[in-house]
Amino acid sequence: MNLPHFIHNGHDQLPEIQILVGDNRQLLALLPAESIQCCITSPPYWGLRDYDHPDQIGAEPAPDLYVQNLVEVFRAVRRVLRKDGTLWLNVGDGYARNGGTGNCGPNAIVGNTKKMIQRRNCKVPTCWGLKDRDLMGLPWRVAFALQADGWVLRSRITWLKKTAMPESVKNRPTSCTEEIFFMARMPNYYYDPDGVREPTGANLRNCWVLGPDISGAGHPAAYPRELVRRCILLGSRPRDTILDPFGGSGTTGEVARTLDRKAILIELNPQYAEFGRERMRHAEQKELWV
């Protein structure tokens, strides 16, 4: 585990971008309380991809255990947020035993999805009264669990994907949306309504039409830079610190850097953490040539 060297130095000593490797529940406990302004993250979706680590979240034997683990993580996040801090959380859904296999969509037999999806499809989870083919409603179950744990649930944003992943299903519409939940530590929080506005100048709406980035930077589930950009501009000020406890390939850190924010990223898998560091090095080199 790579421990952050600024732990005892105070918030003002934080380097621009820190990528820490290890279990986020352990590393979050080492960060100073109330040192983060805004958390933007997308945890691994339950039963979808194998991130090649025994302690990974998303590989739990049942989805209710997945929800419990996320509550534990974000309880630790709430401790490090400032009193006016916010959380922007993207969580994906899934089906109770989707059935069958295919070359694309939620049953894909590709790369690191195969073993996890086959395991998820072998039986219907016994929690929540789920039945075969039920949509589990995981994003809302996570949101309600976090609300019950103390978070203020302020908004549900629908992310409408310009390019939806194709699905070989013939008994329901193809999914092309995901949820982003906007939450706050306390009822009085920082939010800049002028940070991002509609093209007409109107208040930003809660449906974001976003396309994928050209490159996922070596990570199988990188979210769009524009998604992160909006959350940062709405939920933080210049020089504030942004947190991503599921850092992946470093998208949050890359965008935070371009917007004059500091960032702490935590990633369990050393390979993905190195992808993130390489992105930061590449961004620094580009700045030197500008």
Protein backbone atom coordinates (compact mmCIF):
# COMPACT_ATOMS: atom_id res chain seq x y z
CA MET A 1 0.00 0.00 0.00
CA ASN A 2 1.39 3.39 -1.03
CA LEU A 3 0.71 5.80 1.84
CA PRO A 4 0.28 9.49 1.08
CA HIS A 5 3.25 11.48 2.38
CA PHE A 6 1.13 14.55 3.11
CA ILE A 7 -1.05 12.94 5.78
CA HIS A 8 0.48 14.91 8.65
CA ASN A 9 1.29 18.04 6.67
CA GLY A 10 -2.19 19.56 6.45
CA HIS A 11 -4.45 20.31 3.50
CA ASP A 12 -2.34 23.12 2.06
CA GLN A 13 0.61 20.77 1.50
CA LEU A 14 -1.31 18.47 -0.82
CA PRO A 15 0.49 17.84 -4.14
CA GLU A 16 -1.50 18.66 -7.27
CA ILE A 17 -2.50 15.07 -8.12
CA GLN A 18 -1.98 12.07 -5.83
CA ILE A 19 -2.69 8.51 -7.00
CA LEU A 20 -2.68 6.11 -4.07
CA VAL A 21 -2.67 2.33 -4.43
CA GLY A 22 -4.60 0.19 -1.97
CA ASP A 23 -7.99 -0.50 -0.41
CA ASN A 24 -9.91 2.77 -0.32
CA ARG A 25 -11.48 1.96 3.05
CA GLN A 26 -8.02 1.75 4.62
CA LEU A 27 -6.54 4.74 2.81
CA LEU A 28 -9.53 7.02 3.41
CA ALA A 29 -9.04 6.46 7.13
CA LEU A 30 -5.58 8.06 6.79
CA LEU A 31 -6.73 11.23 5.07
CA PRO A 32 -7.36 14.34 7.20
CA ALA A 33 -10.98 14.95 8.17
CA GLU A 34 -12.77 17.68 6.21
CA SER A 35 -9.93 17.98 3.67
CA ILE A 36 -11.93 17.23 0.49
CA GLN A 37 -14.42 19.52 -1.22
CA CYS A 38 -15.94 17.21 -3.79
CA CYS A 39 -16.00 13.46 -4.47
CA ILE A 40 -16.66 12.27 -8.02
CA THR A 41 -16.56 8.56 -8.67
CA SER A 42 -17.98 5.47 -10.34
CA PRO A 43 -17.54 2.22 -8.37
CA PRO A 44 -17.26 -1.12 -10.18
CA TYR A 45 -20.70 -2.34 -11.14
CA TRP A 46 -21.81 -5.49 -9.34
CA GLY A 47 -21.05 -8.74 -11.11
CA LEU A 48 -19.90 -7.13 -14.34
CA ARG A 49 -16.11 -6.95 -14.63
CA ASP A 50 -13.25 -8.70 -12.92
CA TYR A 51 -10.60 -6.18 -11.88
CA ASP A 52 -8.12 -8.89 -10.93
CA HIS A 53 -7.89 -8.21 -7.20
CA PRO A 54 -9.14 -10.36 -4.29
CA ASP A 55 -10.45 -7.31 -2.38
CA GLN A 56 -12.34 -5.75 -5.28
CA ILE A 57 -15.81 -4.31 -4.80
CA GLY A 58 -18.30 -5.65 -7.33
CA ALA A 59 -17.37 -9.33 -6.93
CA GLU A 60 -19.54 -9.94 -3.85
CA PRO A 61 -21.61 -13.15 -3.93
CA ALA A 62 -24.85 -11.14 -3.61
CA PRO A 63 -25.88 -7.59 -4.56
CA ASP A 64 -27.01 -6.65 -1.05
CA LEU A 65 -23.43 -7.23 0.14
CA TYR A 66 -22.27 -4.94 -2.66
CA VAL A 67 -24.58 -2.21 -1.36
CA GLN A 68 -23.28 -2.72 2.19
CA ASN A 69 -19.69 -2.38 1.04
CA LEU A 70 -20.45 0.86 -0.80
CA VAL A 71 -22.15 2.28 2.29
CA GLU A 72 -18.95 1.54 4.22
CA VAL A 73 -16.78 3.23 1.59
CA PHE A 74 -18.89 6.36 1.40
CA ARG A 75 -19.20 6.61 5.15
CA ALA A 76 -15.42 7.01 5.08
CA VAL A 77 -15.74 9.53 2.25
CA ARG A 78 -18.20 11.60 4.27
CA ARG A 79 -15.66 11.92 7.07
CA VAL A 80 -13.06 13.50 4.79
CA LEU A 81 -15.48 15.87 3.05
CA ARG A 82 -15.74 19.46 4.16
CA LYS A 83 -19.01 20.40 5.81
CA ASP A 84 -20.19 21.97 2.55
CA GLY A 85 -18.81 19.11 0.43
CA THR A 86 -20.68 17.05 -2.15
CA LEU A 87 -20.64 13.60 -3.73
CA TRP A 88 -21.33 12.83 -7.39
CA LEU A 89 -21.88 9.09 -7.77
CA ASN A 90 -22.35 7.08 -10.96
CA VAL A 91 -23.69 3.56 -10.35
CA GLY A 92 -24.80 1.03 -12.94
CA ASP A 93 -27.69 -1.41 -12.81
CA GLY A 94 -28.01 -5.09 -13.65
CA TYR A 95 -30.45 -7.93 -13.99
CA ALA A 96 -31.15 -10.90 -11.73
CA ARG A 97 -29.88 -13.79 -13.82
CA ASN A 98 -29.97 -12.21 -17.24
CA GLY A 99 -29.84 -15.62 -18.85
CA GLY A 100 -27.91 -16.73 -21.87
CA THR A 101 -24.66 -15.47 -23.29
CA GLY A 102 -23.76 -13.22 -26.17
CA ASN A 103 -21.03 -11.21 -27.85
CA CYS A 104 -22.08 -7.79 -26.54
CA GLY A 105 -24.10 -6.05 -23.89
CA PRO A 106 -24.48 -7.22 -20.28
CA ASN A 107 -23.76 -10.88 -21.14
CA ALA A 108 -20.61 -10.16 -23.11
CA ILE A 109 -18.04 -12.92 -23.43
CA VAL A 110 -15.13 -10.51 -23.76
CA GLY A 111 -11.97 -9.82 -21.84
CA ASN A 112 -12.38 -9.55 -18.11
CA THR A 113 -16.18 -9.76 -18.13
CA LYS A 114 -16.60 -13.46 -18.90
CA LYS A 115 -16.06 -15.16 -15.54
CA MET A 116 -17.88 -12.52 -13.53
CA ILE A 117 -20.97 -12.46 -15.73
CA GLN A 118 -21.22 -16.23 -15.95
CA ARG A 119 -21.09 -16.39 -12.16
CA ARG A 120 -23.75 -13.67 -11.85
CA ASN A 121 -26.04 -15.42 -14.34
CA CYS A 122 -25.96 -18.83 -12.70
CA LYS A 123 -28.74 -18.07 -10.18
CA VAL A 124 -31.12 -15.39 -8.98
CA PRO A 125 -29.94 -13.58 -5.82
CA THR A 126 -32.06 -14.37 -2.78
CA CYS A 127 -32.34 -10.75 -1.57
CA TRP A 128 -35.03 -8.11 -2.20
CA GLY A 129 -37.59 -10.60 -3.55
CA LEU A 130 -35.77 -10.71 -6.89
CA LYS A 131 -37.11 -12.98 -9.61
CA ASP A 132 -35.60 -14.32 -12.80
CA ARG A 133 -34.98 -11.47 -15.29
CA ASP A 134 -35.78 -8.75 -12.71
CA LEU A 135 -33.99 -5.42 -13.11
CA MET A 136 -32.34 -5.10 -9.70
CA GLY A 137 -32.55 -1.32 -9.34
CA LEU A 138 -29.04 -1.21 -7.87
CA PRO A 139 -28.42 2.52 -8.36
CA TRP A 140 -31.48 3.46 -6.31
CA ARG A 141 -30.80 0.77 -3.70
CA VAL A 142 -27.33 2.26 -3.22
CA ALA A 143 -28.73 5.80 -3.13
CA PHE A 144 -31.38 4.96 -0.54
CA ALA A 145 -28.85 3.06 1.58
CA LEU A 146 -26.53 6.08 1.55
CA GLN A 147 -29.45 8.36 2.37
CA ALA A 148 -30.30 6.16 5.36
CA ASP A 149 -26.65 6.34 6.43
CA GLY A 150 -26.73 10.14 6.62
CA TRP A 151 -26.19 11.51 3.12
CA VAL A 152 -28.50 14.22 1.78
CA LEU A 153 -29.83 13.00 -1.58
CA ARG A 154 -30.31 16.14 -3.68
CA SER A 155 -30.70 15.08 -7.30
CA ARG A 156 -30.81 12.18 -9.71
CA ILE A 157 -29.13 12.99 -13.03
CA THR A 158 -29.80 10.79 -16.02
CA TRP A 159 -26.76 10.21 -18.18
CA LEU A 160 -28.05 9.59 -21.71
CA LYS A 161 -25.34 7.91 -23.74
CA LYS A 162 -24.93 9.11 -27.32
CA THR A 163 -23.46 5.74 -28.23
CA ALA A 164 -25.20 3.00 -26.28
CA MET A 165 -23.57 -0.41 -26.02
CA PRO A 166 -25.50 -2.83 -28.27
CA GLU A 167 -27.36 -5.66 -26.58
CA SER A 168 -28.48 -8.94 -28.10
CA VAL A 169 -31.84 -8.87 -26.31
CA LYS A 170 -35.23 -9.36 -27.93
CA ASN A 171 -37.55 -9.03 -24.93
CA ARG A 172 -36.83 -5.45 -23.69
CA PRO A 173 -35.44 -2.13 -24.98
CA THR A 174 -31.69 -1.68 -25.11
CA SER A 175 -30.37 0.29 -22.12
CA CYS A 176 -28.80 3.65 -22.97
CA THR A 177 -28.91 5.54 -19.66
CA GLU A 178 -27.16 5.46 -16.29
CA GLU A 179 -27.73 7.27 -13.02
CA ILE A 180 -25.59 9.97 -11.43
CA PHE A 181 -26.61 10.84 -7.87
CA PHE A 182 -25.78 14.25 -6.46
CA MET A 183 -25.48 14.06 -2.67
CA ALA A 184 -24.27 16.33 0.10
CA ARG A 185 -22.73 15.78 3.49
CA MET A 186 -25.04 18.38 5.07
CA PRO A 187 -28.17 20.31 3.96
CA ASN A 188 -26.12 23.48 3.42
CA TYR A 189 -23.49 22.72 0.79
CA TYR A 190 -21.48 24.39 -1.97
CA TYR A 191 -23.03 24.35 -5.44
CA ASP A 192 -22.23 26.77 -8.25
CA PRO A 193 -25.29 27.08 -10.53
CA ASP A 194 -23.21 29.12 -12.98
CA GLY A 195 -20.48 26.50 -13.20
CA VAL A 196 -22.33 24.78 -16.06
CA ARG A 197 -25.47 26.08 -17.73
CA GLU A 198 -27.64 25.08 -20.66
CA PRO A 199 -26.68 26.59 -24.06
CA THR A 200 -29.65 28.95 -23.66
CA GLY A 201 -28.28 30.20 -20.36
CA ALA A 202 -30.96 28.40 -18.37
CA ASN A 203 -30.23 26.40 -15.23
CA LEU A 204 -28.57 23.08 -16.03
CA ARG A 205 -31.09 20.24 -16.35
CA ASN A 206 -30.78 16.79 -14.85
CA CYS A 207 -30.45 14.94 -18.16
CA TRP A 208 -26.92 14.94 -19.59
CA VAL A 209 -26.43 13.73 -23.15
CA LEU A 210 -22.80 12.63 -23.28
CA GLY A 211 -20.76 10.58 -25.69
CA PRO A 212 -17.82 8.31 -24.92
CA ASP A 213 -14.25 9.55 -24.96
CA ILE A 214 -12.07 8.50 -27.86
CA SER A 215 -9.76 6.59 -25.54
CA GLY A 216 -10.45 4.81 -22.27
CA ALA A 217 -6.74 4.99 -21.38
CA GLY A 218 -6.40 1.25 -20.85
CA HIS A 219 -9.37 0.88 -18.51
CA PRO A 220 -12.48 -1.11 -19.54
CA ALA A 221 -14.97 1.28 -17.92
CA ALA A 222 -13.66 4.85 -18.05
CA TYR A 223 -16.40 7.47 -17.86
CA PRO A 224 -16.44 10.59 -20.10
CA ARG A 225 -14.27 13.58 -19.25
CA GLU A 226 -17.25 15.87 -19.79
CA LEU A 227 -19.17 14.11 -17.02
CA VAL A 228 -16.33 14.80 -14.60
CA ARG A 229 -15.91 18.36 -15.85
CA ARG A 230 -19.52 19.22 -15.08
CA CYS A 231 -19.39 17.74 -11.59
CA ILE A 232 -16.16 19.58 -10.76
CA LEU A 233 -17.42 22.95 -11.99
CA LEU A 234 -20.73 22.60 -10.16
CA GLY A 235 -19.32 21.25 -6.91
CA SER A 236 -15.97 22.96 -6.30
CA ARG A 237 -13.90 26.13 -6.55
CA PRO A 238 -10.44 26.56 -8.12
CA ARG A 239 -7.70 25.00 -5.95
CA ASP A 240 -10.21 22.82 -4.10
CA THR A 241 -9.37 19.14 -3.69
CA ILE A 242 -11.32 16.50 -5.62
CA LEU A 243 -11.49 12.86 -4.48
CA ASP A 244 -12.08 9.70 -6.51
CA PRO A 245 -11.92 6.60 -4.28
CA PHE A 246 -12.29 4.34 -7.35
CA GLY A 247 -9.65 6.09 -9.43
CA GLY A 248 -9.46 3.66 -12.35
CA SER A 249 -7.31 5.06 -15.16
CA GLY A 250 -7.27 8.58 -13.73
CA THR A 251 -9.99 10.45 -15.63
CA THR A 252 -11.03 12.42 -12.54
CA GLY A 253 -7.45 13.50 -11.86
CA GLU A 254 -6.81 14.45 -15.47
CA VAL A 255 -9.90 16.69 -15.63
CA ALA A 256 -9.26 18.16 -12.17
CA ARG A 257 -5.79 19.22 -13.31
CA THR A 258 -7.15 21.04 -16.37
CA LEU A 259 -9.63 22.94 -14.15
CA ASP A 260 -7.04 24.11 -11.60
CA ARG A 261 -8.10 21.67 -8.89
CA LYS A 262 -6.05 19.31 -6.77
CA ALA A 263 -7.02 15.64 -6.65
CA ILE A 264 -6.59 12.44 -4.67
CA LEU A 265 -7.29 9.21 -6.53
CA ILE A 266 -7.35 5.82 -4.83
CA GLU A 267 -7.06 2.69 -6.95
CA LEU A 268 -6.88 -0.92 -5.79
CA ASN A 269 -5.29 -2.34 -8.92
CA PRO A 270 -1.64 -1.24 -9.40
CA GLN A 271 -1.89 -1.63 -13.18
CA TYR A 272 -4.76 0.84 -13.48
CA ALA A 273 -3.00 3.20 -11.07
CA GLU A 274 0.00 3.17 -13.39
CA PHE A 275 -2.29 4.00 -16.32
CA GLY A 276 -3.41 7.02 -14.30
CA ARG A 277 0.13 8.10 -13.51
CA GLU A 278 1.06 7.82 -17.19
CA ARG A 279 -1.88 10.07 -18.08
CA MET A 280 -0.68 12.64 -15.56
CA ARG A 281 2.86 12.51 -16.95
CA HIS A 282 1.55 12.92 -20.47
CA ALA A 283 -0.57 15.90 -19.41
CA GLU A 284 2.47 17.53 -17.78
CA GLN A 285 4.54 17.06 -20.93
CA LYS A 286 1.81 18.61 -23.07
CA GLU A 287 1.71 21.65 -20.77
CA LEU A 288 5.48 22.09 -21.13
CA TRP A 289 5.14 22.27 -24.91
CA VAL A 290 2.24 24.75 -24.91
